[in-house]
Amino acid sequence: MYRLAGLVICIFAFALSSCSEQDEPTADPATSSRVPDDNVFKDQVRALEKAEDVQNTLDEAAARQREAIE
């Protein structure tokens, strides 16, 4: 019984040590998309990202205009 428990513990420890976190290359968030290139919805996601960028640009321009008026 103790042999079986020892074997199970060894297997469990081996499984935990083999599942280590791997470093992923860091990408520039401004040029990378939230989905991989082989995704079916990549065009739609890129269009949404572009719309978000346009909205951010408009918000910044509106803030500058409000400051200029004050």
PDB file of N, CA and C in Angstrom:
ATOM      1  N   MET A   1       0.823  -1.187   0.000  1.00  0.00           N
ATOM      2  CA  MET A   1       0.000   0.000   0.000  1.00  0.00           C
ATOM      3  C   MET A   1       0.870   1.256   0.000  1.00  0.00           C
ATOM      4  N   TYR A   2       1.946   1.229   0.794  1.00  0.00           N
ATOM      5  CA  TYR A   2       2.824   2.393   0.850  1.00  0.00           C
ATOM      6  C   TYR A   2       3.571   2.591  -0.454  1.00  0.00           C
ATOM      7  N   ARG A   3       3.865   1.489  -1.138  1.00  0.00           N
ATOM      8  CA  ARG A   3       4.533   1.596  -2.433  1.00  0.00           C
ATOM      9  C   ARG A   3       3.626   2.292  -3.444  1.00  0.00           C
ATOM     10  N   LEU A   4       2.352   1.917  -3.414  1.00  0.00           N
ATOM     11  CA  LEU A   4       1.407   2.528  -4.343  1.00  0.00           C
ATOM     12  C   LEU A   4       1.257   4.020  -4.054  1.00  0.00           C
ATOM     13  N   ALA A   5       1.189   4.376  -2.784  1.00  0.00           N
ATOM     14  CA  ALA A   5       1.063   5.788  -2.424  1.00  0.00           C
ATOM     15  C   ALA A   5       2.320   6.548  -2.844  1.00  0.00           C
ATOM     16  N   GLY A   6       3.471   5.970  -2.651  1.00  0.00           N
ATOM     17  CA  GLY A   6       4.721   6.603  -3.057  1.00  0.00           C
ATOM     18  C   GLY A   6       4.786   6.776  -4.562  1.00  0.00           C
ATOM     19  N   LEU A   7       4.333   5.752  -5.301  1.00  0.00           N
ATOM     20  CA  LEU A   7       4.314   5.829  -6.752  1.00  0.00           C
ATOM     21  C   LEU A   7       3.367   6.919  -7.229  1.00  0.00           C
ATOM     22  N   VAL A   8       2.212   7.004  -6.630  1.00  0.00           N
ATOM     23  CA  VAL A   8       1.240   8.034  -7.003  1.00  0.00           C
ATOM     24  C   VAL A   8       1.800   9.422  -6.713  1.00  0.00           C
ATOM     25  N   ILE A   9       2.461   9.589  -5.582  1.00  0.00           N
ATOM     26  CA  ILE A   9       3.050  10.884  -5.242  1.00  0.00           C
ATOM     27  C   ILE A   9       4.141  11.249  -6.230  1.00  0.00           C
ATOM     28  N   CYS A  10       4.971  10.273  -6.604  1.00  0.00           N
ATOM     29  CA  CYS A  10       6.034  10.544  -7.580  1.00  0.00           C
ATOM     30  C   CYS A  10       5.465  10.935  -8.934  1.00  0.00           C
ATOM     31  N   ILE A  11       4.456  10.240  -9.375  1.00  0.00           N
ATOM     32  CA  ILE A  11       3.830  10.552 -10.661  1.00  0.00           C
ATOM     33  C   ILE A  11       3.192  11.937 -10.612  1.00  0.00           C
ATOM     34  N   PHE A  12       2.532  12.243  -9.508  1.00  0.00           N
ATOM     35  CA  PHE A  12       1.901  13.552  -9.357  1.00  0.00           C
ATOM     36  C   PHE A  12       2.952  14.660  -9.360  1.00  0.00           C
ATOM     37  N   ALA A  13       4.048  14.458  -8.650  1.00  0.00           N
ATOM     38  CA  ALA A  13       5.116  15.462  -8.615  1.00  0.00           C
ATOM     39  C   ALA A  13       5.743  15.638  -9.995  1.00  0.00           C
ATOM     40  N   PHE A  14       5.941  14.540 -10.718  1.00  0.00           N
ATOM     41  CA  PHE A  14       6.496  14.623 -12.062  1.00  0.00           C
ATOM     42  C   PHE A  14       5.559  15.378 -12.993  1.00  0.00           C
ATOM     43  N   ALA A  15       4.272  15.114 -12.876  1.00  0.00           N
ATOM     44  CA  ALA A  15       3.286  15.790 -13.728  1.00  0.00           C
ATOM     45  C   ALA A  15       3.268  17.291 -13.444  1.00  0.00           C
ATOM     46  N   LEU A  16       3.359  17.669 -12.183  1.00  0.00           N
ATOM     47  CA  LEU A  16       3.363  19.087 -11.838  1.00  0.00           C
ATOM     48  C   LEU A  16       4.630  19.784 -12.320  1.00  0.00           C
ATOM     49  N   SER A  17       5.750  19.111 -12.220  1.00  0.00           N
ATOM     50  CA  SER A  17       6.996  19.753 -12.631  1.00  0.00           C
ATOM     51  C   SER A  17       7.115  19.850 -14.148  1.00  0.00           C
ATOM     52  N   SER A  18       6.466  18.950 -14.865  1.00  0.00           N
ATOM     53  CA  SER A  18       6.562  18.997 -16.326  1.00  0.00           C
ATOM     54  C   SER A  18       5.618  20.022 -16.937  1.00  0.00           C
ATOM     55  N   CYS A  19       4.660  20.504 -16.192  1.00  0.00           N
ATOM     56  CA  CYS A  19       3.696  21.490 -16.691  1.00  0.00           C
ATOM     57  C   CYS A  19       4.102  22.883 -16.245  1.00  0.00           C
ATOM     58  N   SER A  20       5.291  23.297 -16.589  1.00  0.00           N
ATOM     59  CA  SER A  20       5.756  24.614 -16.175  1.00  0.00           C
ATOM     60  C   SER A  20       5.270  25.671 -17.152  1.00  0.00           C
ATOM     61  N   GLU A  21       5.195  26.894 -16.671  1.00  0.00           N
ATOM     62  CA  GLU A  21       4.757  28.008 -17.503  1.00  0.00           C
ATOM     63  C   GLU A  21       5.881  28.393 -18.453  1.00  0.00           C
ATOM     64  N   GLN A  22       5.536  28.585 -19.715  1.00  0.00           N
ATOM     65  CA  GLN A  22       6.539  28.953 -20.692  1.00  0.00           C
ATOM     66  C   GLN A  22       6.398  30.428 -21.016  1.00  0.00           C
ATOM     67  N   ASP A  23       7.529  31.061 -21.276  1.00  0.00           N
ATOM     68  CA  ASP A  23       7.516  32.474 -21.619  1.00  0.00           C
ATOM     69  C   ASP A  23       7.043  32.652 -23.048  1.00  0.00           C
ATOM     70  N   GLU A  24       6.081  33.551 -23.219  1.00  0.00           N
ATOM     71  CA  GLU A  24       5.602  33.868 -24.555  1.00  0.00           C
ATOM     72  C   GLU A  24       6.257  35.169 -24.989  1.00  0.00           C
ATOM     73  N   PRO A  25       6.570  35.288 -26.237  1.00  0.00           N
ATOM     74  CA  PRO A  25       7.191  36.536 -26.685  1.00  0.00           C
ATOM     75  C   PRO A  25       6.218  37.695 -26.519  1.00  0.00           C
ATOM     76  N   THR A  26       6.742  38.792 -26.043  1.00  0.00           N
ATOM     77  CA  THR A  26       5.886  39.962 -25.857  1.00  0.00           C
ATOM     78  C   THR A  26       5.752  40.698 -27.179  1.00  0.00           C
ATOM     79  N   ALA A  27       4.540  41.085 -27.475  1.00  0.00           N
ATOM     80  CA  ALA A  27       4.258  41.778 -28.724  1.00  0.00           C
ATOM     81  C   ALA A  27       3.792  43.187 -28.407  1.00  0.00           C
ATOM     82  N   ASP A  28       3.996  44.063 -29.341  1.00  0.00           N
ATOM     83  CA  ASP A  28       3.545  45.432 -29.187  1.00  0.00           C
ATOM     84  C   ASP A  28       2.026  45.457 -29.291  1.00  0.00           C
ATOM     85  N   PRO A  29       1.315  45.909 -28.252  1.00  0.00           N
ATOM     86  CA  PRO A  29      -0.148  45.873 -28.308  1.00  0.00           C
ATOM     87  C   PRO A  29      -0.737  46.779 -29.374  1.00  0.00           C
ATOM     88  N   ALA A  30       0.011  47.775 -29.807  1.00  0.00           N
ATOM     89  CA  ALA A  30      -0.525  48.678 -30.828  1.00  0.00           C
ATOM     90  C   ALA A  30      -0.559  48.009 -32.196  1.00  0.00           C
ATOM     91  N   THR A  31       0.353  47.069 -32.435  1.00  0.00           N
ATOM     92  CA  THR A  31       0.400  46.429 -33.745  1.00  0.00           C
ATOM     93  C   THR A  31      -0.166  45.020 -33.740  1.00  0.00           C
ATOM     94  N   SER A  32      -0.431  44.474 -32.584  1.00  0.00           N
ATOM     95  CA  SER A  32      -0.932  43.105 -32.543  1.00  0.00           C
ATOM     96  C   SER A  32      -2.435  43.099 -32.313  1.00  0.00           C
ATOM     97  N   SER A  33      -3.057  42.065 -32.793  1.00  0.00           N
ATOM     98  CA  SER A  33      -4.488  41.901 -32.642  1.00  0.00           C
ATOM     99  C   SER A  33      -4.758  40.999 -31.444  1.00  0.00           C
ATOM    100  N   ARG A  34      -5.992  41.009 -30.979  1.00  0.00           N
ATOM    101  CA  ARG A  34      -6.347  40.162 -29.850  1.00  0.00           C
ATOM    102  C   ARG A  34      -6.604  38.724 -30.262  1.00  0.00           C
ATOM    103  N   VAL A  35      -6.664  38.459 -31.544  1.00  0.00           N
ATOM    104  CA  VAL A  35      -6.901  37.102 -32.030  1.00  0.00           C
ATOM    105  C   VAL A  35      -5.773  36.701 -32.969  1.00  0.00           C
ATOM    106  N   PRO A  36      -5.497  35.400 -33.054  1.00  0.00           N
ATOM    107  CA  PRO A  36      -4.461  34.962 -33.989  1.00  0.00           C
ATOM    108  C   PRO A  36      -4.880  35.171 -35.440  1.00  0.00           C
ATOM    109  N   ASP A  37      -3.906  35.158 -36.330  1.00  0.00           N
ATOM    110  CA  ASP A  37      -4.198  35.403 -37.741  1.00  0.00           C
ATOM    111  C   ASP A  37      -5.026  34.294 -38.381  1.00  0.00           C
ATOM    112  N   ASP A  38      -5.003  33.095 -37.818  1.00  0.00           N
ATOM    113  CA  ASP A  38      -5.759  32.004 -38.425  1.00  0.00           C
ATOM    114  C   ASP A  38      -7.176  31.896 -37.869  1.00  0.00           C
ATOM    115  N   ASN A  39      -7.632  32.918 -37.158  1.00  0.00           N
ATOM    116  CA  ASN A  39      -8.977  32.928 -36.601  1.00  0.00           C
ATOM    117  C   ASN A  39      -9.979  33.335 -37.678  1.00  0.00           C
ATOM    118  N   VAL A  40     -11.168  32.766 -37.598  1.00  0.00           N
ATOM    119  CA  VAL A  40     -12.216  33.037 -38.586  1.00  0.00           C
ATOM    120  C   VAL A  40     -12.685  34.491 -38.510  1.00  0.00           C
ATOM    121  N   PHE A  41     -12.684  35.061 -37.317  1.00  0.00           N
ATOM    122  CA  PHE A  41     -13.236  36.394 -37.110  1.00  0.00           C
ATOM    123  C   PHE A  41     -12.165  37.477 -37.097  1.00  0.00           C
ATOM    124  N   LYS A  42     -11.001  37.220 -37.662  1.00  0.00           N
ATOM    125  CA  LYS A  42      -9.913  38.196 -37.571  1.00  0.00           C
ATOM    126  C   LYS A  42     -10.270  39.517 -38.243  1.00  0.00           C
ATOM    127  N   ASP A  43     -10.976  39.485 -39.361  1.00  0.00           N
ATOM    128  CA  ASP A  43     -11.342  40.726 -40.044  1.00  0.00           C
ATOM    129  C   ASP A  43     -12.310  41.560 -39.207  1.00  0.00           C
ATOM    130  N   GLN A  44     -13.280  40.890 -38.583  1.00  0.00           N
ATOM    131  CA  GLN A  44     -14.243  41.602 -37.757  1.00  0.00           C
ATOM    132  C   GLN A  44     -13.578  42.187 -36.519  1.00  0.00           C
ATOM    133  N   VAL A  45     -12.672  41.434 -35.915  1.00  0.00           N
ATOM    134  CA  VAL A  45     -11.997  41.927 -34.720  1.00  0.00           C
ATOM    135  C   VAL A  45     -11.096  43.096 -35.070  1.00  0.00           C
ATOM    136  N   ARG A  46     -10.407  43.009 -36.185  1.00  0.00           N
ATOM    137  CA  ARG A  46      -9.554  44.124 -36.606  1.00  0.00           C
ATOM    138  C   ARG A  46     -10.385  45.374 -36.902  1.00  0.00           C
ATOM    139  N   ALA A  47     -11.563  45.196 -37.491  1.00  0.00           N
ATOM    140  CA  ALA A  47     -12.436  46.340 -37.752  1.00  0.00           C
ATOM    141  C   ALA A  47     -12.889  46.983 -36.439  1.00  0.00           C
ATOM    142  N   LEU A  48     -13.207  46.160 -35.452  1.00  0.00           N
ATOM    143  CA  LEU A  48     -13.595  46.696 -34.148  1.00  0.00           C
ATOM    144  C   LEU A  48     -12.426  47.423 -33.482  1.00  0.00           C
ATOM    145  N   GLU A  49     -11.238  46.858 -33.591  1.00  0.00           N
ATOM    146  CA  GLU A  49     -10.062  47.509 -33.013  1.00  0.00           C
ATOM    147  C   GLU A  49      -9.799  48.853 -33.687  1.00  0.00           C
ATOM    148  N   LYS A  50      -9.976  48.894 -34.990  1.00  0.00           N
ATOM    149  CA  LYS A  50      -9.779  50.152 -35.713  1.00  0.00           C
ATOM    150  C   LYS A  50     -10.829  51.177 -35.285  1.00  0.00           C
ATOM    151  N   ALA A  51     -12.065  50.733 -35.105  1.00  0.00           N
ATOM    152  CA  ALA A  51     -13.121  51.635 -34.649  1.00  0.00           C
ATOM    153  C   ALA A  51     -12.813  52.161 -33.247  1.00  0.00           C
ATOM    154  N   GLU A  52     -12.264  51.317 -32.386  1.00  0.00           N
ATOM    155  CA  GLU A  52     -11.886  51.764 -31.046  1.00  0.00           C
ATOM    156  C   GLU A  52     -10.769  52.803 -31.119  1.00  0.00           C
ATOM    157  N   ASP A  53      -9.815  52.592 -32.024  1.00  0.00           N
ATOM    158  CA  ASP A  53      -8.739  53.566 -32.195  1.00  0.00           C
ATOM    159  C   ASP A  53      -9.279  54.906 -32.696  1.00  0.00           C
ATOM    160  N   VAL A  54     -10.215  54.864 -33.622  1.00  0.00           N
ATOM    161  CA  VAL A  54     -10.826  56.095 -34.131  1.00  0.00           C
ATOM    162  C   VAL A  54     -11.581  56.802 -33.008  1.00  0.00           C
ATOM    163  N   GLN A  55     -12.298  56.038 -32.186  1.00  0.00           N
ATOM    164  CA  GLN A  55     -13.035  56.639 -31.071  1.00  0.00           C
ATOM    165  C   GLN A  55     -12.080  57.293 -30.088  1.00  0.00           C
ATOM    166  N   ASN A  56     -10.958  56.642 -29.811  1.00  0.00           N
ATOM    167  CA  ASN A  56      -9.962  57.239 -28.915  1.00  0.00           C
ATOM    168  C   ASN A  56      -9.399  58.536 -29.490  1.00  0.00           C
ATOM    169  N   THR A  57      -9.157  58.549 -30.792  1.00  0.00           N
ATOM    170  CA  THR A  57      -8.661  59.762 -31.446  1.00  0.00           C
ATOM    171  C   THR A  57      -9.686  60.884 -31.346  1.00  0.00           C
ATOM    172  N   LEU A  58     -10.940  60.574 -31.577  1.00  0.00           N
ATOM    173  CA  LEU A  58     -11.995  61.584 -31.476  1.00  0.00           C
ATOM    174  C   LEU A  58     -12.146  62.092 -30.053  1.00  0.00           C
ATOM    175  N   ASP A  59     -12.032  61.200 -29.063  1.00  0.00           N
ATOM    176  CA  ASP A  59     -12.126  61.609 -27.665  1.00  0.00           C
ATOM    177  C   ASP A  59     -10.979  62.550 -27.297  1.00  0.00           C
ATOM    178  N   GLU A  60      -9.783  62.249 -27.776  1.00  0.00           N
ATOM    179  CA  GLU A  60      -8.638  63.115 -27.500  1.00  0.00           C
ATOM    180  C   GLU A  60      -8.812  64.485 -28.157  1.00  0.00           C
ATOM    181  N   ALA A  61      -9.309  64.487 -29.391  1.00  0.00           N
ATOM    182  CA  ALA A  61      -9.534  65.756 -30.089  1.00  0.00           C
ATOM    183  C   ALA A  61     -10.606  66.577 -29.378  1.00  0.00           C
ATOM    184  N   ALA A  62     -11.648  65.935 -28.893  1.00  0.00           N
ATOM    185  CA  ALA A  62     -12.705  66.646 -28.173  1.00  0.00           C
ATOM    186  C   ALA A  62     -12.171  67.217 -26.863  1.00  0.00           C
ATOM    187  N   ALA A  63     -11.307  66.475 -26.192  1.00  0.00           N
ATOM    188  CA  ALA A  63     -10.718  66.976 -24.948  1.00  0.00           C
ATOM    189  C   ALA A  63      -9.832  68.182 -25.221  1.00  0.00           C
ATOM    190  N   ARG A  64      -9.048  68.133 -26.296  1.00  0.00           N
ATOM    191  CA  ARG A  64      -8.214  69.286 -26.656  1.00  0.00           C
ATOM    192  C   ARG A  64      -9.075  70.503 -27.004  1.00  0.00           C
ATOM    193  N   GLN A  65     -10.184  70.267 -27.687  1.00  0.00           N
ATOM    194  CA  GLN A  65     -11.063  71.361 -28.065  1.00  0.00           C
ATOM    195  C   GLN A  65     -11.711  71.988 -26.818  1.00  0.00           C
ATOM    196  N   ARG A  66     -12.116  71.156 -25.874  1.00  0.00           N
ATOM    197  CA  ARG A  66     -12.702  71.682 -24.617  1.00  0.00           C
ATOM    198  C   ARG A  66     -11.682  72.519 -23.857  1.00  0.00           C
ATOM    199  N   GLU A  67     -10.419  72.058 -23.835  1.00  0.00           N
ATOM    200  CA  GLU A  67      -9.386  72.821 -23.153  1.00  0.00           C
ATOM    201  C   GLU A  67      -9.129  74.150 -23.855  1.00  0.00           C
ATOM    202  N   ALA A  68      -9.186  74.147 -25.185  1.00  0.00           N
ATOM    203  CA  ALA A  68      -8.958  75.376 -25.928  1.00  0.00           C
ATOM    204  C   ALA A  68     -10.078  76.378 -25.693  1.00  0.00           C
ATOM    205  N   ILE A  69     -11.279  75.902 -25.535  1.00  0.00           N
ATOM    206  CA  ILE A  69     -12.429  76.780 -25.295  1.00  0.00           C
ATOM    207  C   ILE A  69     -12.348  77.388 -23.905  1.00  0.00           C
ATOM    208  N   GLU A  70     -11.884  76.637 -22.925  1.00  0.00           N
ATOM    209  CA  GLU A  70     -11.799  77.148 -21.546  1.00  0.00           C
ATOM    210  C   GLU A  70     -10.664  78.049 -21.436  1.00  0.00           C
TER     211      GLU A  70
END
